[in-house]
Amino acid sequence: MKRIGCLALAAVPVVAMGVFYVLGPDDSDSGAANGPSVSQQDLKDAKARASGASKRSEDEQVIADAPPGLAAPAAKELAQKIVSSAENSTLDWRGAYGSVEDIGDGCGYTAGIIGFCTGTHDLLALVENYTKAHPGNGLEKYLPALRKVDGSDSHEGLDPGFPAAWKAEARLPAFRQAQDTERDRVYFEPAVRLAKLDGLGTLGQFVYYDAMVFHGPGIEADGFYVLRDRAREKAKPPAEGGDEKAWLDAFLDVRRAAMKQRRATLDTSRIDTAQRRFLADGNLDLRTPLVWSVYGETYRVP
């Protein structure tokens, strides 16, 4: 269900400054006697890095100037409840720390508060990071098996003990915190950040977050960033002069089509009778009270 993509960003303004110091305006053809030479490609690379650093600085200012939105504590709590209604059929998202089962979707075991999967790398990353901080934990012995089954639905090396070990570890506050941290690092924070850069309010930030959870923060055929690119063929986000509702409509259209392409019988009510309902009501701030339905069950937040 979820696939992780990595984006490495380097802070390089000092490097760029160093290149311009070495290569003065009249030194492009100077030889070794006048100091080390710098190729034109080196110069282009340095300029590109400096430009990237400048863009990141601008982005950080946009984020700093934006309202908290979904990152506000009450809104974040609400977001977890809405996602949990689709992922775990309950508003009690904290009750899912110890959940673990193979739901038959080809992703192996699905476990924890956000549906970490043994077949889609995020569960492996969670256990690896948790083990770095807490060596000798009850899941550490399963790391070799988790690495082996990553990318498949196999249980090899995990049965019969892994589900019980997960449930036992989930009783510990440290492992619960590790799940929260991994959820925020991989799904929540990137989704909210990009939504703010796209000029979206709290509802739009949630729409991105739920899509990130379900489709994964990757560039696969139906990964989040591919879906966003497809939506850009139909509309523009507000940051580029587009209408917010029209943009979210286009994004949800693309996302729903991707879900149906994955499996024609896949239930899309987390879009149809939840996010679409909020959007149709013009509730771009995701204000409560909220009423929505997922898988035929109605949920309310007063």
Protein backbone atom coordinates (compact mmCIF):
# COMPACT_ATOMS: atom_id res chain seq x y z
CA MET A 1 0.00 0.00 0.00
CA LYS A 2 2.72 2.44 0.93
CA ARG A 3 6.06 2.95 -0.72
CA ILE A 4 8.82 5.22 0.47
CA GLY A 5 10.78 7.52 -1.81
CA CYS A 6 13.82 9.45 -0.61
CA LEU A 7 14.77 12.99 -1.45
CA ALA A 8 18.20 14.10 -0.27
CA LEU A 9 18.69 17.82 0.10
CA ALA A 10 22.12 19.29 0.78
CA ALA A 11 22.83 22.69 2.27
CA VAL A 12 25.45 24.14 -0.05
CA PRO A 13 25.58 27.95 -0.09
CA VAL A 14 29.09 27.87 1.42
CA VAL A 15 30.32 25.63 -1.40
CA ALA A 16 28.95 27.99 -4.02
CA MET A 17 30.56 30.98 -2.35
CA GLY A 18 33.87 29.11 -2.31
CA VAL A 19 33.77 28.48 -6.03
CA PHE A 20 33.23 32.15 -6.83
CA TYR A 21 36.10 33.06 -4.54
CA VAL A 22 38.49 30.69 -6.32
CA LEU A 23 37.29 31.62 -9.78
CA GLY A 24 37.30 35.39 -10.11
CA PRO A 25 35.81 37.30 -13.04
CA ASP A 26 39.14 37.38 -14.91
CA ASP A 27 40.47 33.96 -13.95
CA SER A 28 38.47 31.60 -16.14
CA ASP A 29 41.50 30.88 -18.36
CA SER A 30 44.20 31.07 -15.72
CA GLY A 31 46.61 28.17 -15.30
CA ALA A 32 47.89 26.19 -12.37
CA ALA A 33 50.40 28.94 -11.51
CA ASN A 34 47.55 31.19 -10.47
CA GLY A 35 45.89 28.57 -8.26
CA PRO A 36 43.58 25.57 -8.76
CA SER A 37 41.39 25.66 -11.87
CA VAL A 38 37.65 25.18 -11.78
CA SER A 39 35.84 23.66 -14.73
CA GLN A 40 32.76 25.22 -16.27
CA GLN A 41 30.80 22.14 -15.19
CA ASP A 42 31.93 22.67 -11.60
CA LEU A 43 30.72 26.24 -11.85
CA LYS A 44 27.35 25.20 -13.29
CA ASP A 45 26.94 22.57 -10.57
CA ALA A 46 27.75 25.11 -7.88
CA LYS A 47 25.27 27.61 -9.30
CA ALA A 48 22.61 24.90 -9.43
CA ARG A 49 23.26 24.00 -5.82
CA ALA A 50 23.13 27.64 -4.79
CA SER A 51 19.86 28.09 -6.68
CA GLY A 52 18.46 25.01 -4.95
CA ALA A 53 19.50 26.34 -1.58
CA SER A 54 17.83 29.68 -2.37
CA LYS A 55 14.61 27.91 -3.39
CA ARG A 56 14.60 25.92 -0.17
CA SER A 57 15.08 29.14 1.77
CA GLU A 58 12.07 30.66 0.00
CA ASP A 59 10.03 27.53 0.73
CA GLU A 60 10.93 27.70 4.40
CA GLN A 61 9.69 31.28 4.52
CA VAL A 62 6.39 30.27 2.93
CA ILE A 63 5.98 27.53 5.53
CA ALA A 64 6.89 29.91 8.36
CA ASP A 65 4.36 32.49 7.19
CA ALA A 66 1.52 29.99 6.70
CA PRO A 67 -1.07 29.34 9.45
CA PRO A 68 -0.56 26.08 11.40
CA GLY A 69 -3.39 24.41 9.50
CA LEU A 70 -3.41 20.64 9.90
CA ALA A 71 -0.28 20.84 12.07
CA ALA A 72 -2.22 22.57 14.86
CA PRO A 73 -2.69 20.03 17.68
CA ALA A 74 -6.50 19.87 17.46
CA ALA A 75 -6.46 19.62 13.65
CA LYS A 76 -3.77 16.94 13.72
CA GLU A 77 -5.81 14.92 16.19
CA LEU A 78 -8.83 15.26 13.89
CA ALA A 79 -6.74 14.13 10.91
CA GLN A 80 -5.69 10.95 12.72
CA LYS A 81 -9.33 10.17 13.48
CA ILE A 82 -10.46 10.61 9.88
CA VAL A 83 -7.59 8.50 8.53
CA SER A 84 -8.25 5.87 11.19
CA SER A 85 -11.87 5.63 10.10
CA ALA A 86 -10.60 4.42 6.72
CA GLU A 87 -7.53 2.48 7.85
CA ASN A 88 -8.94 0.84 10.99
CA SER A 89 -12.71 1.50 10.92
CA THR A 90 -12.58 3.42 14.20
CA LEU A 91 -12.00 6.95 15.44
CA ASP A 92 -9.89 5.54 18.28
CA TRP A 93 -6.63 5.70 16.36
CA ARG A 94 -4.54 5.15 19.49
CA GLY A 95 -6.16 1.76 19.87
CA ALA A 96 -4.38 0.61 16.71
CA TYR A 97 -0.76 0.65 17.93
CA GLY A 98 -0.89 -3.10 18.50
CA SER A 99 -2.99 -4.06 15.49
CA VAL A 100 -1.34 -6.50 13.06
CA GLU A 101 -2.87 -8.67 10.34
CA ASP A 102 -2.55 -9.66 6.72
CA ILE A 103 -5.57 -8.10 5.05
CA GLY A 104 -4.89 -9.83 1.75
CA ASP A 105 -3.90 -6.75 -0.25
CA GLY A 106 -0.52 -8.10 -1.35
CA CYS A 107 1.40 -6.00 1.18
CA GLY A 108 2.09 -8.69 3.77
CA TYR A 109 1.35 -7.79 7.36
CA THR A 110 -0.30 -4.41 7.97
CA ALA A 111 0.33 -3.10 11.46
CA GLY A 112 0.15 -0.09 13.74
CA ILE A 113 -1.50 3.29 13.73
CA ILE A 114 -0.99 4.11 10.06
CA GLY A 115 -0.94 0.66 8.51
CA PHE A 116 2.82 0.09 8.24
CA CYS A 117 3.35 -2.87 5.90
CA THR A 118 5.99 -5.60 5.82
CA GLY A 119 5.86 -5.54 2.02
CA THR A 120 6.22 -1.81 1.44
CA HIS A 121 9.34 -0.86 3.40
CA ASP A 122 7.79 1.49 5.93
CA LEU A 123 7.41 -1.19 8.62
CA LEU A 124 11.01 -2.23 8.10
CA ALA A 125 12.17 1.40 8.40
CA LEU A 126 10.15 1.78 11.59
CA VAL A 127 11.69 -1.29 13.24
CA GLU A 128 15.20 -0.33 12.09
CA ASN A 129 14.91 3.18 13.53
CA TYR A 130 13.33 1.87 16.71
CA THR A 131 16.13 -0.65 17.14
CA LYS A 132 18.80 2.03 16.74
CA ALA A 133 17.25 3.88 19.66
CA HIS A 134 16.26 0.79 21.66
CA PRO A 135 18.58 -2.14 20.90
CA GLY A 136 17.50 -5.50 22.24
CA ASN A 137 13.79 -4.81 21.73
CA GLY A 138 11.33 -7.62 21.03
CA LEU A 139 11.19 -6.98 17.27
CA GLU A 140 14.92 -6.75 16.59
CA LYS A 141 15.29 -10.48 15.93
CA TYR A 142 12.84 -10.16 13.03
CA LEU A 143 14.92 -7.58 11.15
CA PRO A 144 16.65 -10.14 8.88
CA ALA A 145 13.26 -11.57 7.90
CA LEU A 146 11.74 -8.12 7.43
CA ARG A 147 14.56 -7.19 5.06
CA LYS A 148 14.06 -10.42 3.14
CA VAL A 149 10.30 -10.04 2.65
CA ASP A 150 10.43 -6.30 1.91
CA GLY A 151 8.67 -5.71 -1.40
CA SER A 152 6.58 -8.87 -1.22
CA ASP A 153 3.60 -10.35 0.62
CA SER A 154 5.69 -13.18 2.07
CA HIS A 155 5.60 -14.13 5.77
CA GLU A 156 8.84 -16.09 5.53
CA GLY A 157 10.72 -15.85 8.80
CA LEU A 158 7.90 -13.90 10.44
CA ASP A 159 5.46 -16.67 11.32
CA PRO A 160 4.34 -17.67 13.79
CA GLY A 161 5.88 -15.24 16.29
CA PHE A 162 5.92 -11.80 14.65
CA PRO A 163 2.28 -10.77 15.31
CA ALA A 164 2.57 -11.58 19.02
CA ALA A 165 5.92 -9.79 19.24
CA TRP A 166 4.41 -6.69 17.61
CA LYS A 167 1.46 -6.67 20.02
CA ALA A 168 3.77 -7.07 23.00
CA GLU A 169 6.09 -4.26 21.87
CA ALA A 170 3.11 -1.98 21.22
CA ARG A 171 2.36 -2.01 24.95
CA LEU A 172 5.55 -0.01 25.50
CA PRO A 173 5.36 3.82 25.38
CA ALA A 174 8.70 3.93 23.52
CA PHE A 175 7.36 1.87 20.60
CA ARG A 176 4.17 3.88 20.47
CA GLN A 177 6.25 7.04 20.25
CA ALA A 178 8.35 5.43 17.52
CA GLN A 179 5.20 4.79 15.49
CA ASP A 180 4.10 8.42 15.94
CA THR A 181 7.53 9.68 14.90
CA GLU A 182 7.69 7.49 11.78
CA ARG A 183 4.15 8.44 10.76
CA ASP A 184 5.02 12.12 11.03
CA ARG A 185 8.40 11.82 9.30
CA VAL A 186 7.23 9.78 6.32
CA TYR A 187 3.61 10.85 5.79
CA PHE A 188 2.23 13.72 7.85
CA GLU A 189 4.98 16.32 7.72
CA PRO A 190 5.83 15.95 3.99
CA ALA A 191 2.13 16.08 3.06
CA VAL A 192 1.37 19.18 5.13
CA ARG A 193 4.53 20.92 3.95
CA LEU A 194 3.81 20.39 0.25
CA ALA A 195 0.15 21.33 0.67
CA LYS A 196 1.16 24.63 2.26
CA LEU A 197 3.62 25.29 -0.58
CA ASP A 198 0.73 24.60 -2.98
CA GLY A 199 -1.32 27.24 -1.17
CA LEU A 200 -3.84 24.83 0.37
CA GLY A 201 -5.82 25.24 3.56
CA THR A 202 -6.47 22.64 6.24
CA LEU A 203 -8.77 20.45 4.14
CA GLY A 204 -6.29 20.41 1.26
CA GLN A 205 -3.52 19.48 3.67
CA PHE A 206 -5.63 16.57 4.89
CA VAL A 207 -6.39 15.48 1.32
CA TYR A 208 -2.64 15.30 0.67
CA TYR A 209 -2.01 13.46 3.93
CA ASP A 210 -4.63 10.78 3.31
CA ALA A 211 -3.33 10.30 -0.24
CA MET A 212 0.24 10.05 1.06
CA VAL A 213 -0.84 7.36 3.54
CA PHE A 214 -2.73 5.28 1.00
CA HIS A 215 -0.59 5.65 -2.11
CA GLY A 216 2.80 6.17 -0.52
CA PRO A 217 5.22 9.10 -0.78
CA GLY A 218 6.88 7.79 -3.93
CA ILE A 219 7.02 8.15 -7.68
CA GLU A 220 5.60 4.76 -8.64
CA ALA A 221 2.70 4.45 -11.07
CA ASP A 222 0.18 5.57 -8.44
CA GLY A 223 2.52 7.15 -5.91
CA PHE A 224 1.54 10.48 -4.42
CA TYR A 225 3.85 12.65 -6.50
CA VAL A 226 2.73 11.01 -9.74
CA LEU A 227 -0.89 11.67 -8.82
CA ARG A 228 -0.08 15.30 -8.13
CA ASP A 229 1.61 15.63 -11.52
CA ARG A 230 -1.46 14.15 -13.22
CA ALA A 231 -3.72 16.61 -11.42
CA ARG A 232 -1.54 19.47 -12.68
CA GLU A 233 -2.56 18.48 -16.21
CA LYS A 234 -6.16 19.31 -15.26
CA ALA A 235 -5.85 22.27 -12.90
CA LYS A 236 -3.40 24.51 -11.05
CA PRO A 237 -2.86 24.68 -7.31
CA PRO A 238 -3.64 28.01 -5.64
CA ALA A 239 0.07 28.87 -5.32
CA GLU A 240 0.17 28.95 -9.14
CA GLY A 241 -2.97 31.02 -9.52
CA GLY A 242 -5.52 28.21 -9.53
CA ASP A 243 -8.78 27.91 -7.62
CA GLU A 244 -8.45 25.82 -4.46
CA LYS A 245 -11.70 23.89 -4.86
CA ALA A 246 -11.05 23.20 -8.55
CA TRP A 247 -7.56 21.95 -7.71
CA LEU A 248 -8.79 19.62 -4.97
CA ASP A 249 -11.56 18.35 -7.26
CA ALA A 250 -8.97 17.53 -9.92
CA PHE A 251 -6.64 15.87 -7.42
CA LEU A 252 -9.43 13.72 -5.97
CA ASP A 253 -10.56 12.76 -9.49
CA VAL A 254 -7.06 11.57 -10.31
CA ARG A 255 -6.67 9.77 -7.01
CA ARG A 256 -10.00 7.96 -7.29
CA ALA A 257 -9.15 6.83 -10.82
CA ALA A 258 -5.82 5.48 -9.58
CA MET A 259 -7.55 3.52 -6.82
CA LYS A 260 -9.98 1.99 -9.30
CA GLN A 261 -7.15 1.18 -11.69
CA ARG A 262 -5.40 -0.67 -8.88
CA ARG A 263 -8.53 -2.79 -8.37
CA ALA A 264 -11.91 -2.07 -9.94
CA THR A 265 -13.79 -3.25 -6.85
CA LEU A 266 -11.73 -1.15 -4.44
CA ASP A 267 -13.91 0.88 -2.07
CA THR A 268 -13.32 4.61 -2.60
CA SER A 269 -15.67 5.89 0.08
CA ARG A 270 -12.78 7.59 1.94
CA ILE A 271 -12.97 9.99 -1.02
CA ASP A 272 -16.59 9.77 -2.16
CA THR A 273 -18.45 10.15 1.14
CA ALA A 274 -15.76 11.78 3.24
CA GLN A 275 -13.36 14.19 1.51
CA ARG A 276 -15.81 14.98 -1.30
CA ARG A 277 -18.45 15.76 1.29
CA PHE A 278 -16.18 18.21 3.10
CA LEU A 279 -15.27 19.85 -0.20
CA ALA A 280 -18.88 20.07 -1.42
CA ASP A 281 -19.75 21.80 1.84
CA GLY A 282 -17.05 24.38 1.16
CA ASN A 283 -15.33 23.36 4.38
CA LEU A 284 -11.80 24.24 3.26
CA ASP A 285 -10.78 24.85 6.87
CA LEU A 286 -11.99 21.38 7.94
CA ARG A 287 -14.08 22.89 10.70
CA THR A 288 -16.02 20.72 13.11
CA PRO A 289 -18.64 19.39 13.50
CA LEU A 290 -17.96 16.82 10.80
CA VAL A 291 -20.05 13.92 9.54
CA TRP A 292 -18.75 11.43 6.98
CA SER A 293 -19.09 7.81 5.93
CA VAL A 294 -16.47 5.17 5.11
CA TYR A 295 -17.30 1.61 4.04
CA GLY A 296 -20.96 2.28 4.83
CA GLU A 297 -20.36 3.33 8.44
CA THR A 298 -21.09 6.89 9.55
CA TYR A 299 -18.68 8.83 11.78
CA ARG A 300 -19.19 12.09 13.65
CA VAL A 301 -16.87 14.53 15.35
CA PRO A 302 -18.77 17.17 17.33
